[in-house]
């Protein structure tokens, strides 16, 4: 079995990125490569089940973890949708190259907006297999917690550059971001705004959606958030780094020691 590409049908970007990652892999590489799962859901489910049984792995590619690098960097993980930062270390070199600044927690925003940021229906249903209305259910839960008057729902936008600009504007008056596994939680944490991410890389820092966590959100230390950002930077790559094998070699070796 060799590396098999599973791009989303009729999406050139998906095909381009899958091919770029495969170009950097050795001839002996095995498994399936995805960028999105719409239209290839049967393969996606089968690959996850196979990997859980110790079979050939899958490689999941997607847009960058950090919004400013979208379109320049792409993340990739082995047998997972996003990197789990727990227990990992970093030299910090790749983060320094990106020039990302982790800001101190903002003061006097405890009664600000709670931004509820859903992801696309395609992602929630196709990639995660989630049924139901995550946004509606989340808003209802927040209202039960007594913070309904502070909720602002930011609809999902396909135009990510516009979405990032509008997010930065909304963060000025926000005290909390609630999402599933969006880059918006990462942006908030780096900007000094607490977040709740119910899954994905940011979940390790934010914790679950509970009343206690909404009323008194977690505020990881600057060191914790810096280490978190370093791990994210280590696991997103340019297309050239996909093609020349940098991404592949990183995922196949042990994490560096500090």
C-alpha atoms as a PDB file:
ATOM      1  CA  UNK A   1       0.000   0.000   0.000  1.00  0.00           C
ATOM      2  CA  UNK A   2       1.380   3.426  -0.932  1.00  0.00           C
ATOM      3  CA  UNK A   3       0.305   6.934   0.002  1.00  0.00           C
ATOM      4  CA  UNK A   4      -3.220   7.576  -1.334  1.00  0.00           C
ATOM      5  CA  UNK A   5      -4.571  11.087  -1.909  1.00  0.00           C
ATOM      6  CA  UNK A   6      -8.193  11.792  -0.930  1.00  0.00           C
ATOM      7  CA  UNK A   7      -8.815  15.442  -1.945  1.00  0.00           C
ATOM      8  CA  UNK A   8     -12.302  16.910  -1.864  1.00  0.00           C
ATOM      9  CA  UNK A   9     -13.778  16.351  -5.337  1.00  0.00           C
ATOM     10  CA  UNK A  10     -13.718  19.390  -7.657  1.00  0.00           C
ATOM     11  CA  UNK A  11     -11.675  21.497  -5.211  1.00  0.00           C
ATOM     12  CA  UNK A  12      -8.338  22.389  -6.761  1.00  0.00           C
ATOM     13  CA  UNK A  13      -6.935  23.754  -3.493  1.00  0.00           C
ATOM     14  CA  UNK A  14      -7.544  20.432  -1.776  1.00  0.00           C
ATOM     15  CA  UNK A  15      -5.864  18.555  -4.618  1.00  0.00           C
ATOM     16  CA  UNK A  16      -2.906  20.963  -4.683  1.00  0.00           C
ATOM     17  CA  UNK A  17      -2.184  20.634  -0.966  1.00  0.00           C
ATOM     18  CA  UNK A  18      -2.577  16.844  -0.875  1.00  0.00           C
ATOM     19  CA  UNK A  19      -0.157  16.557  -3.798  1.00  0.00           C
ATOM     20  CA  UNK A  20       2.319  18.947  -2.169  1.00  0.00           C
ATOM     21  CA  UNK A  21       2.405  16.905   1.044  1.00  0.00           C
ATOM     22  CA  UNK A  22       2.737  13.618  -0.848  1.00  0.00           C
ATOM     23  CA  UNK A  23       5.609  15.046  -2.916  1.00  0.00           C
ATOM     24  CA  UNK A  24       7.702  15.363   0.244  1.00  0.00           C
ATOM     25  CA  UNK A  25       6.984  11.843   1.471  1.00  0.00           C
ATOM     26  CA  UNK A  26       9.321   8.892   0.808  1.00  0.00           C
ATOM     27  CA  UNK A  27       8.356   6.214  -1.690  1.00  0.00           C
ATOM     28  CA  UNK A  28       7.747   3.827   1.200  1.00  0.00           C
ATOM     29  CA  UNK A  29       5.097   6.080   2.803  1.00  0.00           C
ATOM     30  CA  UNK A  30       1.740   4.482   3.551  1.00  0.00           C
ATOM     31  CA  UNK A  31      -1.671   5.857   4.415  1.00  0.00           C
ATOM     32  CA  UNK A  32      -4.220   8.353   3.140  1.00  0.00           C
ATOM     33  CA  UNK A  33      -3.893  12.131   2.772  1.00  0.00           C
ATOM     34  CA  UNK A  34      -6.875  14.468   3.245  1.00  0.00           C
ATOM     35  CA  UNK A  35      -7.539  18.195   2.976  1.00  0.00           C
ATOM     36  CA  UNK A  36     -11.193  18.400   3.968  1.00  0.00           C
ATOM     37  CA  UNK A  37     -13.559  15.439   3.890  1.00  0.00           C
ATOM     38  CA  UNK A  38     -16.594  16.629   1.925  1.00  0.00           C
ATOM     39  CA  UNK A  39     -17.348  14.049  -0.751  1.00  0.00           C
ATOM     40  CA  UNK A  40     -14.872  11.517   0.652  1.00  0.00           C
ATOM     41  CA  UNK A  41     -16.608  10.773   3.934  1.00  0.00           C
ATOM     42  CA  UNK A  42     -16.635   6.991   3.467  1.00  0.00           C
ATOM     43  CA  UNK A  43     -12.856   6.961   3.035  1.00  0.00           C
ATOM     44  CA  UNK A  44     -12.438   9.316   5.981  1.00  0.00           C
ATOM     45  CA  UNK A  45     -14.415   7.110   8.351  1.00  0.00           C
ATOM     46  CA  UNK A  46     -12.680   3.959   7.133  1.00  0.00           C
ATOM     47  CA  UNK A  47      -9.218   5.502   7.576  1.00  0.00           C
ATOM     48  CA  UNK A  48      -9.986   6.630  11.123  1.00  0.00           C
ATOM     49  CA  UNK A  49     -11.218   3.165  12.048  1.00  0.00           C
ATOM     50  CA  UNK A  50      -8.174   1.535  10.451  1.00  0.00           C
ATOM     51  CA  UNK A  51      -5.743   3.837  12.271  1.00  0.00           C
ATOM     52  CA  UNK A  52      -7.413   3.111  15.619  1.00  0.00           C
ATOM     53  CA  UNK A  53      -6.812  -0.591  15.004  1.00  0.00           C
ATOM     54  CA  UNK A  54      -3.108   0.017  14.422  1.00  0.00           C
ATOM     55  CA  UNK A  55      -3.305  -0.046  10.638  1.00  0.00           C
ATOM     56  CA  UNK A  56      -1.904   2.411   8.112  1.00  0.00           C
ATOM     57  CA  UNK A  57      -2.157   6.056   9.257  1.00  0.00           C
ATOM     58  CA  UNK A  58      -3.996   8.992   7.766  1.00  0.00           C
ATOM     59  CA  UNK A  59      -2.603  12.494   7.319  1.00  0.00           C
ATOM     60  CA  UNK A  60      -4.969  15.417   7.706  1.00  0.00           C
ATOM     61  CA  UNK A  61      -4.027  18.788   6.176  1.00  0.00           C
ATOM     62  CA  UNK A  62      -5.893  22.055   6.680  1.00  0.00           C
ATOM     63  CA  UNK A  63      -5.362  25.795   6.867  1.00  0.00           C
ATOM     64  CA  UNK A  64      -2.873  27.321   9.314  1.00  0.00           C
ATOM     65  CA  UNK A  65      -3.504  27.370  13.055  1.00  0.00           C
ATOM     66  CA  UNK A  66      -2.765  31.112  13.170  1.00  0.00           C
ATOM     67  CA  UNK A  67      -5.038  33.409  11.165  1.00  0.00           C
ATOM     68  CA  UNK A  68      -2.387  35.891   9.921  1.00  0.00           C
ATOM     69  CA  UNK A  69      -0.536  33.003   8.237  1.00  0.00           C
ATOM     70  CA  UNK A  70      -3.589  31.692   6.391  1.00  0.00           C
ATOM     71  CA  UNK A  71      -2.786  31.018   2.757  1.00  0.00           C
ATOM     72  CA  UNK A  72       0.948  30.958   3.485  1.00  0.00           C
ATOM     73  CA  UNK A  73       1.077  28.059   5.954  1.00  0.00           C
ATOM     74  CA  UNK A  74      -0.900  24.834   6.227  1.00  0.00           C
ATOM     75  CA  UNK A  75      -1.154  22.494   9.164  1.00  0.00           C
ATOM     76  CA  UNK A  76      -0.837  18.736   8.972  1.00  0.00           C
ATOM     77  CA  UNK A  77      -1.298  16.048  11.612  1.00  0.00           C
ATOM     78  CA  UNK A  78      -0.939  12.280  11.725  1.00  0.00           C
ATOM     79  CA  UNK A  79      -4.059  10.358  12.779  1.00  0.00           C
ATOM     80  CA  UNK A  80      -5.709  13.529  14.145  1.00  0.00           C
ATOM     81  CA  UNK A  81      -7.484  16.687  12.994  1.00  0.00           C
ATOM     82  CA  UNK A  82      -5.223  19.000  15.010  1.00  0.00           C
ATOM     83  CA  UNK A  83      -2.060  18.698  17.044  1.00  0.00           C
ATOM     84  CA  UNK A  84      -2.381  17.871  20.733  1.00  0.00           C
ATOM     85  CA  UNK A  85       0.081  20.279  22.395  1.00  0.00           C
ATOM     86  CA  UNK A  86       0.152  18.473  25.735  1.00  0.00           C
ATOM     87  CA  UNK A  87       3.520  17.017  26.604  1.00  0.00           C
ATOM     88  CA  UNK A  88       5.268  18.494  23.580  1.00  0.00           C
ATOM     89  CA  UNK A  89       8.270  20.802  23.660  1.00  0.00           C
ATOM     90  CA  UNK A  90       9.710  23.289  21.189  1.00  0.00           C
ATOM     91  CA  UNK A  91      12.841  25.298  20.521  1.00  0.00           C
ATOM     92  CA  UNK A  92      10.579  28.241  19.628  1.00  0.00           C
ATOM     93  CA  UNK A  93      12.530  28.881  16.429  1.00  0.00           C
ATOM     94  CA  UNK A  94       9.597  28.646  14.035  1.00  0.00           C
ATOM     95  CA  UNK A  95       7.409  30.901  16.187  1.00  0.00           C
ATOM     96  CA  UNK A  96      10.147  33.544  16.269  1.00  0.00           C
ATOM     97  CA  UNK A  97      10.263  33.512  12.471  1.00  0.00           C
ATOM     98  CA  UNK A  98       6.529  34.238  12.313  1.00  0.00           C
ATOM     99  CA  UNK A  99       6.864  37.297  14.541  1.00  0.00           C
ATOM    100  CA  UNK A 100       3.724  36.475  16.525  1.00  0.00           C
ATOM    101  CA  UNK A 101       3.401  38.395  19.803  1.00  0.00           C
ATOM    102  CA  UNK A 102       1.490  36.814  22.709  1.00  0.00           C
ATOM    103  CA  UNK A 103      -0.223  39.622  24.568  1.00  0.00           C
ATOM    104  CA  UNK A 104      -0.986  39.957  28.277  1.00  0.00           C
ATOM    105  CA  UNK A 105      -4.570  39.382  29.401  1.00  0.00           C
ATOM    106  CA  UNK A 106      -6.705  42.433  28.798  1.00  0.00           C
ATOM    107  CA  UNK A 107      -8.070  44.170  31.857  1.00  0.00           C
ATOM    108  CA  UNK A 108     -11.643  45.296  32.584  1.00  0.00           C
ATOM    109  CA  UNK A 109     -13.393  43.061  30.054  1.00  0.00           C
ATOM    110  CA  UNK A 110     -15.200  40.646  32.391  1.00  0.00           C
ATOM    111  CA  UNK A 111     -18.638  41.907  31.336  1.00  0.00           C
ATOM    112  CA  UNK A 112     -17.867  42.185  27.622  1.00  0.00           C
ATOM    113  CA  UNK A 113     -19.356  40.283  24.731  1.00  0.00           C
ATOM    114  CA  UNK A 114     -19.328  36.512  24.558  1.00  0.00           C
ATOM    115  CA  UNK A 115     -18.565  35.736  20.924  1.00  0.00           C
ATOM    116  CA  UNK A 116     -20.085  32.470  19.735  1.00  0.00           C
ATOM    117  CA  UNK A 117     -18.308  31.421  16.551  1.00  0.00           C
ATOM    118  CA  UNK A 118     -19.664  28.394  14.680  1.00  0.00           C
ATOM    119  CA  UNK A 119     -17.757  26.516  12.036  1.00  0.00           C
ATOM    120  CA  UNK A 120     -19.142  25.552   8.641  1.00  0.00           C
ATOM    121  CA  UNK A 121     -21.922  22.985   8.443  1.00  0.00           C
ATOM    122  CA  UNK A 122     -19.737  20.981   6.032  1.00  0.00           C
ATOM    123  CA  UNK A 123     -16.959  20.724   8.614  1.00  0.00           C
ATOM    124  CA  UNK A 124     -19.253  19.864  11.505  1.00  0.00           C
ATOM    125  CA  UNK A 125     -21.259  17.281   9.566  1.00  0.00           C
ATOM    126  CA  UNK A 126     -18.764  15.879   7.050  1.00  0.00           C
ATOM    127  CA  UNK A 127     -15.489  15.971   8.949  1.00  0.00           C
ATOM    128  CA  UNK A 128     -16.760  15.472  12.491  1.00  0.00           C
ATOM    129  CA  UNK A 129     -20.012  13.641  11.775  1.00  0.00           C
ATOM    130  CA  UNK A 130     -21.812  15.993  14.166  1.00  0.00           C
ATOM    131  CA  UNK A 131     -25.569  16.210  13.812  1.00  0.00           C
ATOM    132  CA  UNK A 132     -27.781  18.954  15.161  1.00  0.00           C
ATOM    133  CA  UNK A 133     -27.339  22.697  15.551  1.00  0.00           C
ATOM    134  CA  UNK A 134     -24.129  23.357  17.504  1.00  0.00           C
ATOM    135  CA  UNK A 135     -24.593  27.124  17.443  1.00  0.00           C
ATOM    136  CA  UNK A 136     -28.199  27.042  18.614  1.00  0.00           C
ATOM    137  CA  UNK A 137     -27.428  24.511  21.320  1.00  0.00           C
ATOM    138  CA  UNK A 138     -24.447  26.546  22.542  1.00  0.00           C
ATOM    139  CA  UNK A 139     -26.435  29.786  22.694  1.00  0.00           C
ATOM    140  CA  UNK A 140     -29.188  28.001  24.628  1.00  0.00           C
ATOM    141  CA  UNK A 141     -26.659  26.673  27.124  1.00  0.00           C
ATOM    142  CA  UNK A 142     -25.106  30.104  27.617  1.00  0.00           C
ATOM    143  CA  UNK A 143     -28.547  31.545  28.283  1.00  0.00           C
ATOM    144  CA  UNK A 144     -29.051  28.894  30.954  1.00  0.00           C
ATOM    145  CA  UNK A 145     -25.839  30.184  32.533  1.00  0.00           C
ATOM    146  CA  UNK A 146     -27.414  33.666  32.791  1.00  0.00           C
ATOM    147  CA  UNK A 147     -25.240  35.450  30.218  1.00  0.00           C
ATOM    148  CA  UNK A 148     -27.705  35.624  27.329  1.00  0.00           C
ATOM    149  CA  UNK A 149     -27.596  39.434  27.247  1.00  0.00           C
ATOM    150  CA  UNK A 150     -23.881  39.336  26.391  1.00  0.00           C
ATOM    151  CA  UNK A 151     -24.002  36.877  23.485  1.00  0.00           C
ATOM    152  CA  UNK A 152     -23.006  37.842  19.967  1.00  0.00           C
ATOM    153  CA  UNK A 153     -23.054  35.164  17.271  1.00  0.00           C
ATOM    154  CA  UNK A 154     -20.534  35.607  14.493  1.00  0.00           C
ATOM    155  CA  UNK A 155     -21.854  33.712  11.446  1.00  0.00           C
ATOM    156  CA  UNK A 156     -19.401  31.522   9.565  1.00  0.00           C
ATOM    157  CA  UNK A 157     -17.772  33.341   6.666  1.00  0.00           C
ATOM    158  CA  UNK A 158     -16.118  31.701   3.669  1.00  0.00           C
ATOM    159  CA  UNK A 159     -13.991  34.829   3.144  1.00  0.00           C
ATOM    160  CA  UNK A 160     -11.404  34.177   5.865  1.00  0.00           C
ATOM    161  CA  UNK A 161      -9.527  37.445   5.417  1.00  0.00           C
ATOM    162  CA  UNK A 162     -12.733  39.383   6.025  1.00  0.00           C
ATOM    163  CA  UNK A 163     -13.635  37.087   8.927  1.00  0.00           C
ATOM    164  CA  UNK A 164     -10.263  37.712  10.590  1.00  0.00           C
ATOM    165  CA  UNK A 165     -10.588  41.501  10.261  1.00  0.00           C
ATOM    166  CA  UNK A 166     -14.094  41.441  11.724  1.00  0.00           C
ATOM    167  CA  UNK A 167     -12.992  39.099  14.513  1.00  0.00           C
ATOM    168  CA  UNK A 168     -10.224  41.487  15.550  1.00  0.00           C
ATOM    169  CA  UNK A 169     -12.812  44.284  15.694  1.00  0.00           C
ATOM    170  CA  UNK A 170     -15.225  42.229  17.808  1.00  0.00           C
ATOM    171  CA  UNK A 171     -12.452  41.163  20.173  1.00  0.00           C
ATOM    172  CA  UNK A 172     -12.053  44.788  21.237  1.00  0.00           C
ATOM    173  CA  UNK A 173     -15.256  44.530  23.259  1.00  0.00           C
ATOM    174  CA  UNK A 174     -15.195  40.815  24.074  1.00  0.00           C
ATOM    175  CA  UNK A 175     -14.507  38.955  27.280  1.00  0.00           C
ATOM    176  CA  UNK A 176     -14.825  35.409  25.932  1.00  0.00           C
ATOM    177  CA  UNK A 177     -14.814  33.455  22.662  1.00  0.00           C
ATOM    178  CA  UNK A 178     -16.757  30.175  22.450  1.00  0.00           C
ATOM    179  CA  UNK A 179     -16.231  27.865  19.477  1.00  0.00           C
ATOM    180  CA  UNK A 180     -15.815  24.215  18.554  1.00  0.00           C
ATOM    181  CA  UNK A 181     -12.234  24.031  17.270  1.00  0.00           C
ATOM    182  CA  UNK A 182     -11.800  27.216  15.265  1.00  0.00           C
ATOM    183  CA  UNK A 183      -8.676  29.322  14.790  1.00  0.00           C
ATOM    184  CA  UNK A 184     -10.708  32.111  16.404  1.00  0.00           C
ATOM    185  CA  UNK A 185     -10.026  30.557  19.830  1.00  0.00           C
ATOM    186  CA  UNK A 186      -6.307  30.598  19.101  1.00  0.00           C
ATOM    187  CA  UNK A 187      -6.475  34.217  17.948  1.00  0.00           C
ATOM    188  CA  UNK A 188      -8.327  35.191  21.136  1.00  0.00           C
ATOM    189  CA  UNK A 189      -5.824  33.428  23.405  1.00  0.00           C
ATOM    190  CA  UNK A 190      -2.882  35.118  21.715  1.00  0.00           C
ATOM    191  CA  UNK A 191      -4.648  38.502  21.869  1.00  0.00           C
ATOM    192  CA  UNK A 192      -5.258  38.228  25.606  1.00  0.00           C
ATOM    193  CA  UNK A 193      -8.952  37.265  25.498  1.00  0.00           C
ATOM    194  CA  UNK A 194     -10.123  34.035  27.211  1.00  0.00           C
ATOM    195  CA  UNK A 195     -11.663  31.349  25.033  1.00  0.00           C
ATOM    196  CA  UNK A 196     -13.493  28.061  25.245  1.00  0.00           C
ATOM    197  CA  UNK A 197     -12.697  25.604  22.474  1.00  0.00           C
ATOM    198  CA  UNK A 198     -14.655  22.394  22.823  1.00  0.00           C
ATOM    199  CA  UNK A 199     -12.173  20.432  20.737  1.00  0.00           C
ATOM    200  CA  UNK A 200      -8.920  20.801  18.828  1.00  0.00           C
ATOM    201  CA  UNK A 201      -5.529  22.161  19.838  1.00  0.00           C
ATOM    202  CA  UNK A 202      -6.864  25.096  21.869  1.00  0.00           C
ATOM    203  CA  UNK A 203      -9.009  22.837  24.058  1.00  0.00           C
ATOM    204  CA  UNK A 204      -5.921  21.860  26.047  1.00  0.00           C
ATOM    205  CA  UNK A 205      -5.687  25.454  27.307  1.00  0.00           C
ATOM    206  CA  UNK A 206      -9.332  26.482  27.487  1.00  0.00           C
ATOM    207  CA  UNK A 207     -11.224  23.606  29.049  1.00  0.00           C
ATOM    208  CA  UNK A 208     -14.894  22.655  28.511  1.00  0.00           C
ATOM    209  CA  UNK A 209     -18.080  24.677  28.144  1.00  0.00           C
ATOM    210  CA  UNK A 210     -19.329  24.796  31.727  1.00  0.00           C
ATOM    211  CA  UNK A 211     -20.993  27.510  33.772  1.00  0.00           C
ATOM    212  CA  UNK A 212     -17.909  27.860  35.943  1.00  0.00           C
ATOM    213  CA  UNK A 213     -15.667  28.188  32.918  1.00  0.00           C
ATOM    214  CA  UNK A 214     -17.945  30.801  31.338  1.00  0.00           C
ATOM    215  CA  UNK A 215     -18.280  32.948  34.464  1.00  0.00           C
ATOM    216  CA  UNK A 216     -14.604  32.589  35.381  1.00  0.00           C
ATOM    217  CA  UNK A 217     -12.732  31.665  32.190  1.00  0.00           C
ATOM    218  CA  UNK A 218      -9.330  30.082  32.402  1.00  0.00           C
ATOM    219  CA  UNK A 219      -6.394  32.412  31.880  1.00  0.00           C
ATOM    220  CA  UNK A 220      -3.282  30.336  31.155  1.00  0.00           C
ATOM    221  CA  UNK A 221      -0.005  32.037  31.975  1.00  0.00           C
ATOM    222  CA  UNK A 222       2.029  33.875  29.375  1.00  0.00           C
ATOM    223  CA  UNK A 223       4.530  31.022  29.452  1.00  0.00           C
ATOM    224  CA  UNK A 224       1.791  28.428  28.845  1.00  0.00           C
ATOM    225  CA  UNK A 225       0.396  30.384  25.911  1.00  0.00           C
ATOM    226  CA  UNK A 226       3.873  30.941  24.486  1.00  0.00           C
ATOM    227  CA  UNK A 227       4.644  27.234  24.607  1.00  0.00           C
ATOM    228  CA  UNK A 228       1.255  26.565  23.012  1.00  0.00           C
ATOM    229  CA  UNK A 229       1.968  28.990  20.154  1.00  0.00           C
ATOM    230  CA  UNK A 230       5.396  27.421  19.657  1.00  0.00           C
ATOM    231  CA  UNK A 231       3.861  23.977  19.202  1.00  0.00           C
ATOM    232  CA  UNK A 232       1.366  25.338  16.692  1.00  0.00           C
ATOM    233  CA  UNK A 233       4.129  27.052  14.717  1.00  0.00           C
ATOM    234  CA  UNK A 234       6.124  23.811  14.686  1.00  0.00           C
ATOM    235  CA  UNK A 235       3.205  21.976  13.085  1.00  0.00           C
ATOM    236  CA  UNK A 236       2.254  24.309  10.230  1.00  0.00           C
ATOM    237  CA  UNK A 237       4.289  24.590   7.051  1.00  0.00           C
ATOM    238  CA  UNK A 238       4.587  26.366   3.730  1.00  0.00           C
ATOM    239  CA  UNK A 239       3.789  24.423   0.569  1.00  0.00           C
ATOM    240  CA  UNK A 240       7.500  24.408  -0.231  1.00  0.00           C
ATOM    241  CA  UNK A 241       8.089  22.748   3.141  1.00  0.00           C
ATOM    242  CA  UNK A 242       5.441  20.180   2.242  1.00  0.00           C
ATOM    243  CA  UNK A 243       7.137  19.473  -1.084  1.00  0.00           C
ATOM    244  CA  UNK A 244      10.711  19.278   0.194  1.00  0.00           C
ATOM    245  CA  UNK A 245       9.806  16.837   2.973  1.00  0.00           C
ATOM    246  CA  UNK A 246      10.251  19.204   5.921  1.00  0.00           C
ATOM    247  CA  UNK A 247       6.696  18.532   7.148  1.00  0.00           C
ATOM    248  CA  UNK A 248       7.001  14.794   6.665  1.00  0.00           C
ATOM    249  CA  UNK A 249      10.303  14.552   8.520  1.00  0.00           C
ATOM    250  CA  UNK A 250       8.908  16.617  11.393  1.00  0.00           C
ATOM    251  CA  UNK A 251       5.876  14.412  11.837  1.00  0.00           C
ATOM    252  CA  UNK A 252       7.910  11.220  11.665  1.00  0.00           C
ATOM    253  CA  UNK A 253      10.565  12.128  14.213  1.00  0.00           C
ATOM    254  CA  UNK A 254      10.499  12.723  17.955  1.00  0.00           C
ATOM    255  CA  UNK A 255       9.791  16.226  19.172  1.00  0.00           C
ATOM    256  CA  UNK A 256      12.969  18.258  19.837  1.00  0.00           C
ATOM    257  CA  UNK A 257      14.198  18.695  23.376  1.00  0.00           C
ATOM    258  CA  UNK A 258      14.753  22.178  24.779  1.00  0.00           C
END
